Amino acid sequence: MPHNLLLASILVAILVIMLPAIFHLTRYIGAKSDNERKNEVYESGIRDTIGDPFNSFNVKYFLVGIVFLLFDVEILYILPWAVELKTLGVFGLIEMFVFIGLITGGLIYIFRLGVMKWI
């Protein structure tokens, strides 16, 4: 058996044996605090989750999440641009200014709509 295959099979065997053992040991080693406050349902700032599932709730949690993803994904475009700035030259610099201008315009539009207001 090749050494790489032997090493991979040993690592898989260790993971299959050790992970369940570690999870089982945490029941005995870890601290236990069982109280009413800890067992209370809490999800995304919404405390009243028990009741009619068709009650309306504030959609701003989802809007803020989507806005975060949109502005977080822009970093995926800015970082490679920063690495290759010398090879892209002035044209790459102008393109990035246009891109950042569009992102800034979107951010201003979102603030004017009041998406970030919580009151």
Protein backbone atom coordinates (compact mmCIF):
# COMPACT_ATOMS: atom_id res chain seq x y z
CA MET A 1 0.00 0.00 0.00
CA PRO A 2 1.43 3.43 -0.91
CA HIS A 3 2.44 5.67 1.97
CA ASN A 4 -0.05 8.40 1.05
CA LEU A 5 -2.96 5.96 1.08
CA LEU A 6 -1.79 4.51 4.39
CA LEU A 7 -1.53 7.97 5.95
CA ALA A 8 -4.96 8.98 4.65
CA SER A 9 -6.59 5.81 5.95
CA ILE A 10 -4.98 6.28 9.38
CA LEU A 11 -6.21 9.89 9.53
CA VAL A 12 -9.74 8.85 8.56
CA ALA A 13 -9.70 6.07 11.16
CA ILE A 14 -8.52 8.50 13.84
CA LEU A 15 -11.27 10.97 12.93
CA VAL A 16 -13.93 8.27 12.93
CA ILE A 17 -12.87 7.05 16.38
CA MET A 18 -11.74 10.26 18.07
CA LEU A 19 -14.51 12.69 17.14
CA PRO A 20 -17.37 10.67 18.65
CA ALA A 21 -15.22 9.95 21.70
CA ILE A 22 -14.45 13.65 22.20
CA PHE A 23 -18.11 14.62 21.80
CA HIS A 24 -19.09 11.95 24.30
CA LEU A 25 -16.47 13.10 26.81
CA THR A 26 -17.71 16.69 26.72
CA ARG A 27 -20.93 15.55 28.39
CA TYR A 28 -18.91 14.55 31.45
CA ILE A 29 -16.10 17.11 31.43
CA GLY A 30 -17.98 20.31 30.53
CA ALA A 31 -19.76 22.59 32.95
CA LYS A 32 -23.47 22.08 33.41
CA SER A 33 -25.84 24.97 33.93
CA ASP A 34 -29.43 24.07 33.31
CA ASN A 35 -31.68 26.99 34.09
CA GLU A 36 -34.75 28.63 32.62
CA ARG A 37 -32.86 31.58 31.13
CA LYS A 38 -30.47 29.32 29.21
CA ASN A 39 -33.25 27.15 27.82
CA GLU A 40 -35.28 30.14 26.63
CA VAL A 41 -35.88 30.33 22.89
CA TYR A 42 -34.02 33.23 21.27
CA GLU A 43 -33.63 33.65 17.55
CA SER A 44 -32.33 36.75 15.75
CA GLY A 45 -33.61 39.16 18.38
CA ILE A 46 -37.14 37.80 18.22
CA ARG A 47 -38.15 36.64 21.68
CA ASP A 48 -41.73 35.56 21.04
CA THR A 49 -41.31 32.53 18.77
CA ILE A 50 -44.08 30.49 20.33
CA GLY A 51 -47.54 31.01 18.94
CA ASP A 52 -49.11 31.52 15.54
CA PRO A 53 -46.52 30.93 12.80
CA PHE A 54 -48.26 33.42 10.53
CA ASN A 55 -47.61 36.44 12.75
CA SER A 56 -45.76 39.18 10.94
CA PHE A 57 -42.33 40.21 12.16
CA ASN A 58 -39.75 42.78 11.21
CA VAL A 59 -38.09 42.00 7.87
CA LYS A 60 -35.13 44.26 8.58
CA TYR A 61 -33.14 41.35 9.97
CA PHE A 62 -33.12 39.81 6.52
CA LEU A 63 -32.51 43.14 4.77
CA VAL A 64 -29.46 43.86 6.90
CA GLY A 65 -28.15 40.35 6.19
CA ILE A 66 -28.58 40.78 2.45
CA VAL A 67 -26.98 44.24 2.50
CA PHE A 68 -24.05 42.82 4.48
CA LEU A 69 -23.56 40.07 1.91
CA LEU A 70 -23.72 42.51 -0.98
CA PHE A 71 -21.09 44.82 0.46
CA ASP A 72 -19.00 41.95 1.76
CA VAL A 73 -18.75 40.33 -1.66
CA GLU A 74 -17.18 43.49 -3.07
CA ILE A 75 -14.01 42.59 -1.18
CA LEU A 76 -13.72 39.53 -3.43
CA TYR A 77 -13.23 41.97 -6.31
CA ILE A 78 -11.09 44.56 -4.54
CA LEU A 79 -8.43 42.21 -3.15
CA PRO A 80 -7.33 40.66 -6.49
CA TRP A 81 -7.39 44.12 -8.03
CA ALA A 82 -5.07 45.41 -5.30
CA VAL A 83 -2.64 42.54 -5.92
CA GLU A 84 -2.55 43.14 -9.69
CA LEU A 85 -2.67 46.94 -9.62
CA LYS A 86 0.73 47.43 -11.28
CA THR A 87 -0.09 45.15 -14.20
CA LEU A 88 -3.55 46.65 -14.73
CA GLY A 89 -2.25 50.19 -14.91
CA VAL A 90 -4.35 53.32 -15.19
CA PHE A 91 -7.24 51.52 -16.93
CA GLY A 92 -7.57 49.14 -13.94
CA LEU A 93 -7.48 52.09 -11.56
CA ILE A 94 -10.29 53.85 -13.45
CA GLU A 95 -12.35 50.64 -13.51
CA MET A 96 -11.99 50.27 -9.75
CA PHE A 97 -13.01 53.89 -9.19
CA VAL A 98 -16.15 53.24 -11.26
CA PHE A 99 -16.84 50.03 -9.28
CA ILE A 100 -16.38 51.73 -5.90
CA GLY A 101 -18.51 54.64 -7.12
CA LEU A 102 -21.34 52.24 -7.98
CA ILE A 103 -21.04 50.53 -4.59
CA THR A 104 -21.02 53.90 -2.80
CA GLY A 105 -24.07 55.00 -4.78
CA GLY A 106 -25.86 51.82 -3.73
CA LEU A 107 -24.94 52.45 -0.11
CA ILE A 108 -26.27 56.00 -0.26
CA TYR A 109 -29.47 54.72 -1.86
CA ILE A 110 -29.90 52.15 0.92
CA PHE A 111 -29.41 54.79 3.62
CA ARG A 112 -31.91 57.11 1.96
CA LEU A 113 -34.49 54.31 1.84
CA GLY A 114 -34.06 53.90 5.58
CA VAL A 115 -33.08 50.23 5.55
CA MET A 116 -30.57 50.80 8.34
CA LYS A 117 -32.99 52.63 10.65
CA TRP A 118 -34.12 50.36 13.47
CA ILE A 119 -36.72 52.64 15.01
